[in-house]
C-alpha atoms as a PDB file:
ATOM      1  CA  MET A   1       0.000   0.000   0.000  1.00  0.00           C
ATOM      2  CA  THR A   2       1.404   3.330  -0.959  1.00  0.00           C
ATOM      3  CA  LYS A   3       2.042   6.105   1.472  1.00  0.00           C
ATOM      4  CA  LYS A   4      -0.755   8.199  -0.056  1.00  0.00           C
ATOM      5  CA  LYS A   5      -3.302   5.443   0.326  1.00  0.00           C
ATOM      6  CA  ARG A   6      -2.264   4.885   3.910  1.00  0.00           C
ATOM      7  CA  SER A   7      -2.813   8.606   4.624  1.00  0.00           C
ATOM      8  CA  VAL A   8      -6.297   8.556   3.091  1.00  0.00           C
ATOM      9  CA  LEU A   9      -7.214   5.447   5.077  1.00  0.00           C
ATOM     10  CA  ALA A  10      -6.039   7.066   8.274  1.00  0.00           C
ATOM     11  CA  VAL A  11      -8.187  10.128   7.591  1.00  0.00           C
ATOM     12  CA  VAL A  12     -11.218   7.935   6.908  1.00  0.00           C
ATOM     13  CA  VAL A  13     -10.657   6.002  10.120  1.00  0.00           C
ATOM     14  CA  LEU A  14     -10.319   9.199  12.108  1.00  0.00           C
ATOM     15  CA  LEU A  15     -13.481  10.594  10.586  1.00  0.00           C
ATOM     16  CA  ALA A  16     -15.348   7.388  11.366  1.00  0.00           C
ATOM     17  CA  PHE A  17     -14.191   7.449  14.974  1.00  0.00           C
ATOM     18  CA  GLY A  18     -15.053  11.142  15.215  1.00  0.00           C
ATOM     19  CA  THR A  19     -18.548  10.600  13.835  1.00  0.00           C
ATOM     20  CA  ALA A  20     -19.156   7.664  16.147  1.00  0.00           C
ATOM     21  CA  GLY A  21     -17.883   9.626  19.108  1.00  0.00           C
ATOM     22  CA  GLY A  22     -20.042  12.627  18.211  1.00  0.00           C
ATOM     23  CA  ALA A  23     -23.109  10.439  17.866  1.00  0.00           C
ATOM     24  CA  TYR A  24     -22.392   8.833  21.211  1.00  0.00           C
ATOM     25  CA  LEU A  25     -21.960  12.193  22.906  1.00  0.00           C
ATOM     26  CA  TRP A  26     -25.153  13.510  21.301  1.00  0.00           C
ATOM     27  CA  GLN A  27     -27.168  10.494  22.416  1.00  0.00           C
ATOM     28  CA  THR A  28     -25.646  10.763  25.893  1.00  0.00           C
ATOM     29  CA  ARG A  29     -26.602  14.420  26.038  1.00  0.00           C
ATOM     30  CA  ILE A  30     -30.162  13.667  24.899  1.00  0.00           C
ATOM     31  CA  LYS A  31     -30.494  10.941  27.508  1.00  0.00           C
ATOM     32  CA  ASP A  32     -29.138  13.271  30.146  1.00  0.00           C
ATOM     33  CA  GLU A  33     -31.585  15.981  29.153  1.00  0.00           C
ATOM     34  CA  ARG A  34     -34.467  13.499  29.248  1.00  0.00           C
ATOM     35  CA  LYS A  35     -33.543  12.706  32.827  1.00  0.00           C
ATOM     36  CA  HIS A  36     -34.194  16.333  33.678  1.00  0.00           C
ATOM     37  CA  GLU A  37     -37.389  16.896  31.729  1.00  0.00           C
ATOM     38  CA  LEU A  38     -40.533  15.038  30.710  1.00  0.00           C
ATOM     39  CA  VAL A  39     -41.802  15.605  27.177  1.00  0.00           C
ATOM     40  CA  LEU A  40     -45.456  14.802  26.442  1.00  0.00           C
ATOM     41  CA  PHE A  41     -47.685  15.262  23.417  1.00  0.00           C
ATOM     42  CA  GLY A  42     -51.334  16.235  23.480  1.00  0.00           C
ATOM     43  CA  ASN A  43     -54.014  18.576  22.201  1.00  0.00           C
ATOM     44  CA  VAL A  44     -55.463  21.892  23.320  1.00  0.00           C
ATOM     45  CA  ASP A  45     -58.779  21.331  25.091  1.00  0.00           C
ATOM     46  CA  ILE A  46     -61.514  23.631  26.392  1.00  0.00           C
ATOM     47  CA  ARG A  47     -64.984  23.350  27.867  1.00  0.00           C
ATOM     48  CA  GLN A  48     -68.084  23.865  25.761  1.00  0.00           C
ATOM     49  CA  VAL A  49     -71.487  25.111  26.927  1.00  0.00           C
ATOM     50  CA  ASN A  50     -74.836  24.699  25.168  1.00  0.00           C
ATOM     51  CA  LEU A  51     -76.828  27.916  25.598  1.00  0.00           C
ATOM     52  CA  ALA A  52     -80.621  27.565  25.676  1.00  0.00           C
ATOM     53  CA  PHE A  53     -83.567  29.727  26.738  1.00  0.00           C
ATOM     54  CA  ASN A  54     -85.319  28.843  29.989  1.00  0.00           C
ATOM     55  CA  GLY A  55     -88.698  29.171  28.296  1.00  0.00           C
ATOM     56  CA  SER A  56     -90.686  28.338  25.149  1.00  0.00           C
ATOM     57  CA  GLU A  57     -91.400  31.081  22.626  1.00  0.00           C
ATOM     58  CA  ARG A  58     -90.449  32.262  19.146  1.00  0.00           C
ATOM     59  CA  ILE A  59     -86.990  33.765  18.714  1.00  0.00           C
ATOM     60  CA  VAL A  60     -87.078  37.436  17.714  1.00  0.00           C
ATOM     61  CA  SER A  61     -83.375  38.155  17.247  1.00  0.00           C
ATOM     62  CA  MET A  62     -79.992  36.418  17.277  1.00  0.00           C
ATOM     63  CA  LEU A  63     -77.333  38.977  18.145  1.00  0.00           C
ATOM     64  CA  VAL A  64     -74.051  37.098  17.537  1.00  0.00           C
ATOM     65  CA  ASP A  65     -72.632  34.815  14.845  1.00  0.00           C
ATOM     66  CA  GLU A  66     -70.228  31.902  14.759  1.00  0.00           C
ATOM     67  CA  GLY A  67     -66.704  32.982  15.593  1.00  0.00           C
ATOM     68  CA  ASP A  68     -67.781  36.053  17.582  1.00  0.00           C
ATOM     69  CA  ARG A  69     -66.161  36.562  20.937  1.00  0.00           C
ATOM     70  CA  VAL A  70     -68.627  37.329  23.742  1.00  0.00           C
ATOM     71  CA  GLU A  71     -68.132  38.538  27.290  1.00  0.00           C
ATOM     72  CA  GLN A  72     -69.814  37.300  30.423  1.00  0.00           C
ATOM     73  CA  GLY A  73     -73.297  38.801  30.742  1.00  0.00           C
ATOM     74  CA  GLN A  74     -73.532  39.864  27.088  1.00  0.00           C
ATOM     75  CA  LEU A  75     -77.002  39.638  25.493  1.00  0.00           C
ATOM     76  CA  VAL A  76     -76.883  37.100  22.657  1.00  0.00           C
ATOM     77  CA  ALA A  77     -80.541  36.341  21.760  1.00  0.00           C
ATOM     78  CA  VAL A  78     -84.102  37.534  22.516  1.00  0.00           C
ATOM     79  CA  LEU A  79     -87.527  35.835  22.510  1.00  0.00           C
ATOM     80  CA  ARG A  80     -90.920  37.344  21.665  1.00  0.00           C
ATOM     81  CA  LYS A  81     -92.234  39.081  24.809  1.00  0.00           C
ATOM     82  CA  ASP A  82     -95.854  40.138  24.074  1.00  0.00           C
ATOM     83  CA  ARG A  83     -97.530  37.268  25.925  1.00  0.00           C
ATOM     84  CA  LEU A  84     -95.059  37.386  28.809  1.00  0.00           C
ATOM     85  CA  GLU A  85     -95.478  41.139  29.299  1.00  0.00           C
ATOM     86  CA  ALA A  86     -99.286  40.820  29.314  1.00  0.00           C
ATOM     87  CA  ALA A  87     -99.138  38.052  31.920  1.00  0.00           C
ATOM     88  CA  MET A  88     -96.846  40.158  34.096  1.00  0.00           C
ATOM     89  CA  ARG A  89     -99.156  43.203  33.919  1.00  0.00           C
ATOM     90  CA  ALA A  90    -102.155  41.040  34.874  1.00  0.00           C
ATOM     91  CA  MET A  91    -100.332  39.705  37.908  1.00  0.00           C
ATOM     92  CA  GLU A  92     -99.221  43.214  38.899  1.00  0.00           C
ATOM     93  CA  ALA A  93    -102.862  44.391  38.862  1.00  0.00           C
ATOM     94  CA  GLN A  94    -104.047  41.361  40.837  1.00  0.00           C
ATOM     95  CA  ALA A  95    -101.354  41.804  43.472  1.00  0.00           C
ATOM     96  CA  ALA A  96    -102.087  45.526  43.746  1.00  0.00           C
ATOM     97  CA  ALA A  97    -105.821  44.886  44.258  1.00  0.00           C
ATOM     98  CA  GLN A  98    -105.166  42.320  46.965  1.00  0.00           C
ATOM     99  CA  ALA A  99    -102.734  44.678  48.669  1.00  0.00           C
ATOM    100  CA  GLU A 100    -105.597  47.205  48.953  1.00  0.00           C
ATOM    101  CA  VAL A 101    -107.777  44.522  50.521  1.00  0.00           C
ATOM    102  CA  VAL A 102    -105.131  43.764  53.123  1.00  0.00           C
ATOM    103  CA  GLY A 103    -104.650  47.462  53.819  1.00  0.00           C
ATOM    104  CA  ARG A 104    -108.384  47.960  54.312  1.00  0.00           C
ATOM    105  CA  LEU A 105    -108.624  45.036  56.723  1.00  0.00           C
ATOM    106  CA  LYS A 106    -105.647  46.213  58.749  1.00  0.00           C
ATOM    107  CA  ALA A 107    -106.969  49.763  58.931  1.00  0.00           C
ATOM    108  CA  GLY A 108    -110.264  48.528  60.436  1.00  0.00           C
ATOM    109  CA  SER A 109    -113.605  50.348  60.278  1.00  0.00           C
ATOM    110  CA  ARG A 110    -113.627  54.003  59.313  1.00  0.00           C
ATOM    111  CA  PRO A 111    -114.999  56.518  61.843  1.00  0.00           C
ATOM    112  CA  GLU A 112    -117.869  57.292  59.471  1.00  0.00           C
ATOM    113  CA  GLU A 113    -118.842  53.618  59.373  1.00  0.00           C
ATOM    114  CA  ILE A 114    -118.776  53.386  63.158  1.00  0.00           C
ATOM    115  CA  ARG A 115    -120.959  56.502  63.477  1.00  0.00           C
ATOM    116  CA  ARG A 116    -123.451  55.062  60.974  1.00  0.00           C
ATOM    117  CA  VAL A 117    -123.667  51.744  62.819  1.00  0.00           C
ATOM    118  CA  ARG A 118    -123.994  53.540  66.164  1.00  0.00           C
ATOM    119  CA  ALA A 119    -126.875  55.610  64.781  1.00  0.00           C
ATOM    120  CA  GLU A 120    -128.606  52.426  63.634  1.00  0.00           C
ATOM    121  CA  TYR A 121    -128.091  50.994  67.104  1.00  0.00           C
ATOM    122  CA  ASP A 122    -129.566  54.111  68.726  1.00  0.00           C
ATOM    123  CA  ALA A 123    -132.586  53.905  66.421  1.00  0.00           C
ATOM    124  CA  ALA A 124    -133.075  50.213  67.267  1.00  0.00           C
ATOM    125  CA  GLN A 125    -132.822  51.023  70.957  1.00  0.00           C
ATOM    126  CA  ALA A 126    -135.456  53.743  70.618  1.00  0.00           C
ATOM    127  CA  ASP A 127    -137.772  51.357  68.757  1.00  0.00           C
ATOM    128  CA  ALA A 128    -137.253  48.710  71.424  1.00  0.00           C
ATOM    129  CA  ASN A 129    -138.038  51.172  74.250  1.00  0.00           C
ATOM    130  CA  ASN A 130    -141.164  52.411  72.475  1.00  0.00           C
ATOM    131  CA  ALA A 131    -142.344  48.835  71.790  1.00  0.00           C
ATOM    132  CA  THR A 132    -141.809  47.914  75.445  1.00  0.00           C
ATOM    133  CA  VAL A 133    -143.748  50.946  76.709  1.00  0.00           C
ATOM    134  CA  THR A 134    -146.587  50.175  74.295  1.00  0.00           C
ATOM    135  CA  TYR A 135    -146.727  46.585  75.514  1.00  0.00           C
ATOM    136  CA  TYR A 136    -146.966  47.638  79.177  1.00  0.00           C
ATOM    137  CA  ARG A 137    -149.733  50.097  78.323  1.00  0.00           C
ATOM    138  CA  MET A 138    -151.699  47.400  76.508  1.00  0.00           C
ATOM    139  CA  GLN A 139    -151.406  45.113  79.532  1.00  0.00           C
ATOM    140  CA  SER A 140    -152.917  47.842  81.737  1.00  0.00           C
ATOM    141  CA  LEU A 141    -155.772  48.337  79.281  1.00  0.00           C
ATOM    142  CA  VAL A 142    -156.464  44.607  79.208  1.00  0.00           C
ATOM    143  CA  ARG A 143    -156.736  44.507  82.996  1.00  0.00           C
ATOM    144  CA  GLU A 144    -159.236  47.372  82.797  1.00  0.00           C
ATOM    145  CA  ASP A 145    -161.132  45.631  79.950  1.00  0.00           C
ATOM    146  CA  ALA A 146    -160.422  48.690  77.822  1.00  0.00           C
ATOM    147  CA  THR A 147    -158.900  46.720  74.948  1.00  0.00           C
ATOM    148  CA  ALA A 148    -158.805  43.225  73.590  1.00  0.00           C
ATOM    149  CA  VAL A 149    -156.267  40.661  74.753  1.00  0.00           C
ATOM    150  CA  GLN A 150    -155.193  40.259  71.123  1.00  0.00           C
ATOM    151  CA  ASN A 151    -153.964  43.831  71.033  1.00  0.00           C
ATOM    152  CA  ALA A 152    -151.762  43.154  74.049  1.00  0.00           C
ATOM    153  CA  ASP A 153    -150.378  40.036  72.420  1.00  0.00           C
ATOM    154  CA  ASP A 154    -149.546  41.990  69.264  1.00  0.00           C
ATOM    155  CA  ALA A 155    -147.808  44.643  71.311  1.00  0.00           C
ATOM    156  CA  ARG A 156    -145.735  41.995  73.104  1.00  0.00           C
ATOM    157  CA  ALA A 157    -144.662  40.474  69.749  1.00  0.00           C
ATOM    158  CA  ARG A 158    -143.607  43.878  68.438  1.00  0.00           C
ATOM    159  CA  ALA A 159    -141.607  44.484  71.623  1.00  0.00           C
ATOM    160  CA  GLU A 160    -139.816  41.181  71.303  1.00  0.00           C
ATOM    161  CA  MET A 161    -139.006  41.886  67.642  1.00  0.00           C
ATOM    162  CA  ALA A 162    -137.638  45.307  68.529  1.00  0.00           C
ATOM    163  CA  ALA A 163    -135.483  43.773  71.270  1.00  0.00           C
ATOM    164  CA  ALA A 164    -134.067  41.286  68.768  1.00  0.00           C
ATOM    165  CA  ARG A 165    -133.236  44.066  66.317  1.00  0.00           C
ATOM    166  CA  LEU A 166    -131.560  45.948  69.149  1.00  0.00           C
ATOM    167  CA  ARG A 167    -129.356  42.963  69.988  1.00  0.00           C
ATOM    168  CA  SER A 168    -128.411  42.627  66.311  1.00  0.00           C
ATOM    169  CA  ALA A 169    -127.563  46.316  66.067  1.00  0.00           C
ATOM    170  CA  LYS A 170    -125.462  46.028  69.222  1.00  0.00           C
ATOM    171  CA  GLU A 171    -123.441  43.136  67.773  1.00  0.00           C
ATOM    172  CA  THR A 172    -122.965  45.029  64.518  1.00  0.00           C
ATOM    173  CA  LEU A 173    -121.667  48.020  66.460  1.00  0.00           C
ATOM    174  CA  ASP A 174    -119.285  45.857  68.487  1.00  0.00           C
ATOM    175  CA  LEU A 175    -117.884  44.288  65.284  1.00  0.00           C
ATOM    176  CA  ALA A 176    -117.402  47.703  63.689  1.00  0.00           C
ATOM    177  CA  ILE A 177    -115.519  48.940  66.747  1.00  0.00           C
ATOM    178  CA  ALA A 178    -113.402  45.777  67.035  1.00  0.00           C
ATOM    179  CA  GLY A 179    -112.510  45.732  63.322  1.00  0.00           C
ATOM    180  CA  PRO A 180    -111.776  42.688  61.103  1.00  0.00           C
ATOM    181  CA  ARG A 181    -110.826  39.355  62.660  1.00  0.00           C
ATOM    182  CA  LYS A 182    -107.148  38.496  62.717  1.00  0.00           C
ATOM    183  CA  GLU A 183    -107.942  35.261  60.859  1.00  0.00           C
ATOM    184  CA  ASP A 184    -109.430  37.287  57.985  1.00  0.00           C
ATOM    185  CA  ILE A 185    -106.360  39.522  57.875  1.00  0.00           C
ATOM    186  CA  ALA A 186    -104.046  36.486  57.858  1.00  0.00           C
ATOM    187  CA  ALA A 187    -106.018  34.882  55.021  1.00  0.00           C
ATOM    188  CA  ALA A 188    -105.895  38.087  52.986  1.00  0.00           C
ATOM    189  CA  GLU A 189    -102.151  38.419  53.572  1.00  0.00           C
ATOM    190  CA  ALA A 190    -101.589  34.807  52.488  1.00  0.00           C
ATOM    191  CA  THR A 191    -103.518  35.463  49.279  1.00  0.00           C
ATOM    192  CA  LEU A 192    -101.404  38.570  48.690  1.00  0.00           C
ATOM    193  CA  GLU A 193     -98.186  36.562  49.128  1.00  0.00           C
ATOM    194  CA  ALA A 194     -99.435  34.013  46.612  1.00  0.00           C
ATOM    195  CA  TYR A 195    -100.151  36.760  44.081  1.00  0.00           C
ATOM    196  CA  ARG A 196     -96.736  38.302  44.680  1.00  0.00           C
ATOM    197  CA  ALA A 197     -95.063  34.930  44.140  1.00  0.00           C
ATOM    198  CA  GLN A 198     -96.939  34.538  40.863  1.00  0.00           C
ATOM    199  CA  LEU A 199     -95.861  38.065  39.912  1.00  0.00           C
ATOM    200  CA  ALA A 200     -92.213  37.231  40.662  1.00  0.00           C
ATOM    201  CA  LEU A 201     -92.544  34.141  38.482  1.00  0.00           C
ATOM    202  CA  ALA A 202     -94.054  36.215  35.650  1.00  0.00           C
ATOM    203  CA  ARG A 203     -91.196  38.713  35.924  1.00  0.00           C
ATOM    204  CA  GLN A 204     -88.636  35.912  35.860  1.00  0.00           C
ATOM    205  CA  GLU A 205     -90.254  34.385  32.787  1.00  0.00           C
ATOM    206  CA  LEU A 206     -90.058  37.773  31.099  1.00  0.00           C
ATOM    207  CA  ALA A 207     -86.397  38.115  32.088  1.00  0.00           C
ATOM    208  CA  ASP A 208     -85.715  34.624  30.732  1.00  0.00           C
ATOM    209  CA  ALA A 209     -86.766  35.879  27.309  1.00  0.00           C
ATOM    210  CA  ASN A 210     -83.269  37.390  27.139  1.00  0.00           C
ATOM    211  CA  LEU A 211     -80.366  34.967  26.712  1.00  0.00           C
ATOM    212  CA  TYR A 212     -77.022  36.070  28.153  1.00  0.00           C
ATOM    213  CA  ALA A 213     -73.556  34.551  27.856  1.00  0.00           C
ATOM    214  CA  PRO A 214     -72.746  32.810  31.177  1.00  0.00           C
ATOM    215  CA  SER A 215     -68.988  33.242  30.651  1.00  0.00           C
ATOM    216  CA  SER A 216     -66.543  34.811  28.252  1.00  0.00           C
ATOM    217  CA  GLY A 217     -65.880  32.702  25.188  1.00  0.00           C
ATOM    218  CA  ILE A 218     -66.268  32.250  21.452  1.00  0.00           C
ATOM    219  CA  ILE A 219     -69.489  31.272  19.666  1.00  0.00           C
ATOM    220  CA  GLN A 220     -68.693  27.912  18.121  1.00  0.00           C
ATOM    221  CA  ASN A 221     -72.104  27.003  16.641  1.00  0.00           C
ATOM    222  CA  ARG A 222     -75.220  29.054  15.885  1.00  0.00           C
ATOM    223  CA  ILE A 223     -77.935  26.424  15.931  1.00  0.00           C
ATOM    224  CA  LEU A 224     -81.271  28.298  15.732  1.00  0.00           C
ATOM    225  CA  GLU A 225     -82.422  31.370  13.812  1.00  0.00           C
ATOM    226  CA  PRO A 226     -85.084  34.101  14.285  1.00  0.00           C
ATOM    227  CA  GLY A 227     -88.528  32.573  13.918  1.00  0.00           C
ATOM    228  CA  ASP A 228     -87.510  29.218  15.359  1.00  0.00           C
ATOM    229  CA  MET A 229     -89.348  27.942  18.431  1.00  0.00           C
ATOM    230  CA  ALA A 230     -87.015  27.920  21.402  1.00  0.00           C
ATOM    231  CA  SER A 231     -87.296  25.639  24.422  1.00  0.00           C
ATOM    232  CA  PRO A 232     -85.095  24.686  27.390  1.00  0.00           C
ATOM    233  CA  ALA A 233     -84.236  21.388  25.671  1.00  0.00           C
ATOM    234  CA  THR A 234     -83.087  23.024  22.412  1.00  0.00           C
ATOM    235  CA  PRO A 235     -79.670  24.749  22.383  1.00  0.00           C
ATOM    236  CA  VAL A 236     -79.426  28.087  20.603  1.00  0.00           C
ATOM    237  CA  TYR A 237     -75.636  28.421  20.573  1.00  0.00           C
ATOM    238  CA  THR A 238     -72.595  26.368  21.481  1.00  0.00           C
ATOM    239  CA  LEU A 239     -70.136  28.502  23.450  1.00  0.00           C
ATOM    240  CA  ALA A 240     -66.449  27.536  23.664  1.00  0.00           C
ATOM    241  CA  LEU A 241     -65.045  28.818  26.943  1.00  0.00           C
ATOM    242  CA  VAL A 242     -61.607  30.407  26.602  1.00  0.00           C
ATOM    243  CA  ASP A 243     -60.790  30.290  30.281  1.00  0.00           C
ATOM    244  CA  PRO A 244     -59.597  27.898  31.527  1.00  0.00           C
ATOM    245  CA  LEU A 245     -57.543  26.544  28.622  1.00  0.00           C
ATOM    246  CA  TRP A 246     -55.433  23.406  28.929  1.00  0.00           C
ATOM    247  CA  VAL A 247     -53.513  20.754  27.015  1.00  0.00           C
ATOM    248  CA  ARG A 248     -54.801  17.231  27.456  1.00  0.00           C
ATOM    249  CA  ALA A 249     -51.865  14.826  27.447  1.00  0.00           C
ATOM    250  CA  TYR A 250     -51.122  11.305  28.692  1.00  0.00           C
ATOM    251  CA  VAL A 251     -48.294  10.224  30.993  1.00  0.00           C
ATOM    252  CA  PRO A 252     -46.910   6.661  30.879  1.00  0.00           C
ATOM    253  CA  GLU A 253     -47.280   4.796  34.139  1.00  0.00           C
ATOM    254  CA  THR A 254     -43.494   4.594  34.460  1.00  0.00           C
ATOM    255  CA  ASP A 255     -43.266   8.426  34.502  1.00  0.00           C
ATOM    256  CA  LEU A 256     -46.284   9.027  36.727  1.00  0.00           C
ATOM    257  CA  GLY A 257     -44.181   9.267  39.881  1.00  0.00           C
ATOM    258  CA  LYS A 258     -42.120  12.097  38.409  1.00  0.00           C
ATOM    259  CA  ILE A 259     -44.911  14.665  38.330  1.00  0.00           C
ATOM    260  CA  HIS A 260     -47.418  16.205  40.687  1.00  0.00           C
ATOM    261  CA  GLN A 261     -50.039  18.930  40.569  1.00  0.00           C
ATOM    262  CA  GLY A 262     -48.673  22.449  40.534  1.00  0.00           C
ATOM    263  CA  MET A 263     -45.476  21.647  38.611  1.00  0.00           C
ATOM    264  CA  ALA A 264     -44.424  24.262  36.061  1.00  0.00           C
ATOM    265  CA  ALA A 265     -44.578  23.341  32.386  1.00  0.00           C
ATOM    266  CA  LYS A 266     -43.802  24.788  28.969  1.00  0.00           C
ATOM    267  CA  VAL A 267     -46.075  24.331  25.955  1.00  0.00           C
ATOM    268  CA  THR A 268     -45.193  24.732  22.284  1.00  0.00           C
ATOM    269  CA  THR A 269     -47.198  24.246  19.094  1.00  0.00           C
ATOM    270  CA  ASP A 270     -46.431  23.716  15.425  1.00  0.00           C
ATOM    271  CA  SER A 271     -48.606  26.701  14.534  1.00  0.00           C
ATOM    272  CA  TYR A 272     -46.291  29.144  16.329  1.00  0.00           C
ATOM    273  CA  PRO A 273     -42.738  27.715  16.077  1.00  0.00           C
ATOM    274  CA  GLY A 274     -40.351  29.016  18.666  1.00  0.00           C
ATOM    275  CA  LYS A 275     -43.096  30.472  20.859  1.00  0.00           C
ATOM    276  CA  THR A 276     -43.475  29.032  24.356  1.00  0.00           C
ATOM    277  CA  TYR A 277     -46.525  29.263  26.598  1.00  0.00           C
ATOM    278  CA  ASP A 278     -46.195  29.074  30.361  1.00  0.00           C
ATOM    279  CA  GLY A 279     -48.362  26.517  32.141  1.00  0.00           C
ATOM    280  CA  TRP A 280     -48.684  24.214  35.113  1.00  0.00           C
ATOM    281  CA  VAL A 281     -49.950  20.712  35.854  1.00  0.00           C
ATOM    282  CA  GLY A 282     -53.481  21.240  37.127  1.00  0.00           C
ATOM    283  CA  TYR A 283     -54.961  17.751  37.072  1.00  0.00           C
ATOM    284  CA  ILE A 284     -53.720  14.150  37.106  1.00  0.00           C
ATOM    285  CA  SER A 285     -56.278  11.401  36.521  1.00  0.00           C
ATOM    286  CA  PRO A 286     -56.561   8.919  39.383  1.00  0.00           C
ATOM    287  CA  THR A 287     -57.294   6.063  36.956  1.00  0.00           C
ATOM    288  CA  ALA A 288     -55.518   4.560  33.944  1.00  0.00           C
ATOM    289  CA  GLN A 289     -56.830   5.071  30.442  1.00  0.00           C
ATOM    290  CA  PHE A 290     -57.480   2.519  27.685  1.00  0.00           C
ATOM    291  CA  THR A 291     -56.363  -0.453  29.782  1.00  0.00           C
ATOM    292  CA  PRO A 292     -58.093  -3.045  32.004  1.00  0.00           C
ATOM    293  CA  LYS A 293     -58.455  -2.236  35.676  1.00  0.00           C
ATOM    294  CA  SER A 294     -56.522  -5.336  36.783  1.00  0.00           C
ATOM    295  CA  VAL A 295     -53.136  -5.820  35.131  1.00  0.00           C
ATOM    296  CA  GLU A 296     -51.325  -9.153  35.491  1.00  0.00           C
ATOM    297  CA  THR A 297     -47.904  -8.717  33.909  1.00  0.00           C
ATOM    298  CA  PRO A 298     -45.123  -6.090  34.202  1.00  0.00           C
ATOM    299  CA  ASP A 299     -45.272  -5.684  30.420  1.00  0.00           C
ATOM    300  CA  LEU A 300     -48.895  -4.516  30.568  1.00  0.00           C
ATOM    301  CA  ARG A 301     -48.240  -2.336  33.600  1.00  0.00           C
ATOM    302  CA  SER A 302     -45.625  -0.417  31.648  1.00  0.00           C
ATOM    303  CA  ARG A 303     -48.212   0.454  28.994  1.00  0.00           C
ATOM    304  CA  LEU A 304     -50.604   2.178  31.351  1.00  0.00           C
ATOM    305  CA  VAL A 305     -51.180   5.897  30.694  1.00  0.00           C
ATOM    306  CA  TYR A 306     -52.843   8.549  32.824  1.00  0.00           C
ATOM    307  CA  GLN A 307     -54.519  11.676  31.563  1.00  0.00           C
ATOM    308  CA  ILE A 308     -53.206  15.021  32.779  1.00  0.00           C
ATOM    309  CA  ARG A 309     -54.236  18.601  32.170  1.00  0.00           C
ATOM    310  CA  VAL A 310     -51.608  21.282  31.769  1.00  0.00           C
ATOM    311  CA  TYR A 311     -53.308  24.653  32.164  1.00  0.00           C
ATOM    312  CA  ILE A 312     -51.766  27.407  30.064  1.00  0.00           C
ATOM    313  CA  HIS A 313     -51.898  31.170  29.585  1.00  0.00           C
ATOM    314  CA  ASN A 314     -53.268  32.297  26.233  1.00  0.00           C
ATOM    315  CA  PRO A 315     -53.201  36.119  26.375  1.00  0.00           C
ATOM    316  CA  ASN A 316     -53.312  36.630  22.604  1.00  0.00           C
ATOM    317  CA  ASN A 317     -56.035  34.049  21.954  1.00  0.00           C
ATOM    318  CA  GLU A 318     -53.732  32.090  19.643  1.00  0.00           C
ATOM    319  CA  LEU A 319     -54.485  28.567  20.798  1.00  0.00           C
ATOM    320  CA  ARG A 320     -57.487  26.754  19.386  1.00  0.00           C
ATOM    321  CA  LEU A 321     -59.503  23.691  20.343  1.00  0.00           C
ATOM    322  CA  GLY A 322     -57.822  20.469  19.168  1.00  0.00           C
ATOM    323  CA  MET A 323     -54.493  22.090  18.245  1.00  0.00           C
ATOM    324  CA  PRO A 324     -51.563  19.629  18.699  1.00  0.00           C
ATOM    325  CA  ALA A 325     -49.150  20.724  21.418  1.00  0.00           C
ATOM    326  CA  THR A 326     -45.906  19.583  23.026  1.00  0.00           C
ATOM    327  CA  VAL A 327     -45.609  19.769  26.811  1.00  0.00           C
ATOM    328  CA  THR A 328     -42.219  19.941  28.502  1.00  0.00           C
ATOM    329  CA  ILE A 329     -42.123  19.506  32.283  1.00  0.00           C
ATOM    330  CA  PRO A 330     -38.728  20.286  33.901  1.00  0.00           C
ATOM    331  CA  LEU A 331     -37.619  17.636  36.416  1.00  0.00           C
ATOM    332  CA  THR A 332     -34.799  17.163  38.895  1.00  0.00           C
ATOM    333  CA  ALA A 333     -32.970  13.903  39.370  1.00  0.00           C
ATOM    334  CA  ASN A 334     -35.420  12.818  42.081  1.00  0.00           C
ATOM    335  CA  GLY A 335     -38.464  13.667  39.999  1.00  0.00           C
ATOM    336  CA  THR A 336     -39.484  16.927  41.663  1.00  0.00           C
ATOM    337  CA  MET A 337     -39.832  20.430  40.372  1.00  0.00           C
ATOM    338  CA  GLU A 338     -36.579  22.311  39.897  1.00  0.00           C
END
C-alpha cells in the first residue's frame, strides 16, 4: 500500500471514529436531558357550553354569529315578549288589588262607618223602648177591659221583635268597633303573598326571554335562527369557553411518579414555532386510560397511561380547540420540580 493510500485510510478512520464519538456524545446528552425533563404530546382542550332559553317562545333576534367573541353577561338572543309582558301586567294588577284589601282590613272600620252603625243601634234602641212601653200600656188596658187581649199580644210580639233588632244592632256596632278578625287579615295576607309569588314568576319568565352569555368565550355554533321555536331542551348556541384553557396529554405509568399537581410546564405548538406558553400541571387522573383495571404482567403495567391537564396562559387568543401541542415539564434527578 502506498504512502498516499495509507494517509487517506487514516483520515477515513479518524473521521469514522469522530462521527461515532459525536453520535455517542449527542445520544448521551439527549439521555441526560431526558432525565431532567418530561416531554409529552397532546391537544389543546376547552370546555363547551350549550346555551338555551329557559322558556318556550319564538326567537325574535340572534345577536351574535359563529366565531364572535362574547363577554360574560352579554345579550346574545331575545324571545318574543308580548304574551309574557301581558301576563306580568295582569299579575301586577291582581297583586295591587289584593294589597288594597289587606290594607283595608288592617286599617279597620272608618270613623264614618262606626258613626253610621252607632246611629242604627240608637234607632233600634229607641224602637225597642217604644215597643216595650206600648206593651206595658196594653197590659194595663187589658186589665181594665179597655182593649182586647189580642192587642196586648200583638204589642208583646212587636216588643220582642224590637229587642231582637236591638241585639243585632249592638253586635254590629261591636264588630265595627273591634274591626276585622285576625284570621281574615291572615287569610288576605296569604292570598297577597301568593299573588306576589306569581308576579315574581311572571317577571322571571319575562327576564328569561333574554339569553345572556354565562362566561366569556367564542361562539362555536349558531344552531337556531329568528322565527324558530325555542325551548329549554333546544340549544341556541354552542359557546367555547376560553378560560380555563389546557392541554390534554397522557403520561406513561413509568413516569407518573415524576410529576405532581402544581409543577411548572412549557407548551409549544407547530402553529407558532419558537413560541413558548407558560403553564402548570393542574390535574392528574386517578385512573388509567385505555387499559383493564386489573393488570397481570409487568409488560402490561408499563403500557398504562394517565390523563393530565396542563393549564396554560393564552393572552393573545392564539391557541385553538384540538391544536396539537408539546408539553415539557422540567424535572430534577429525584423527579421533583426544579
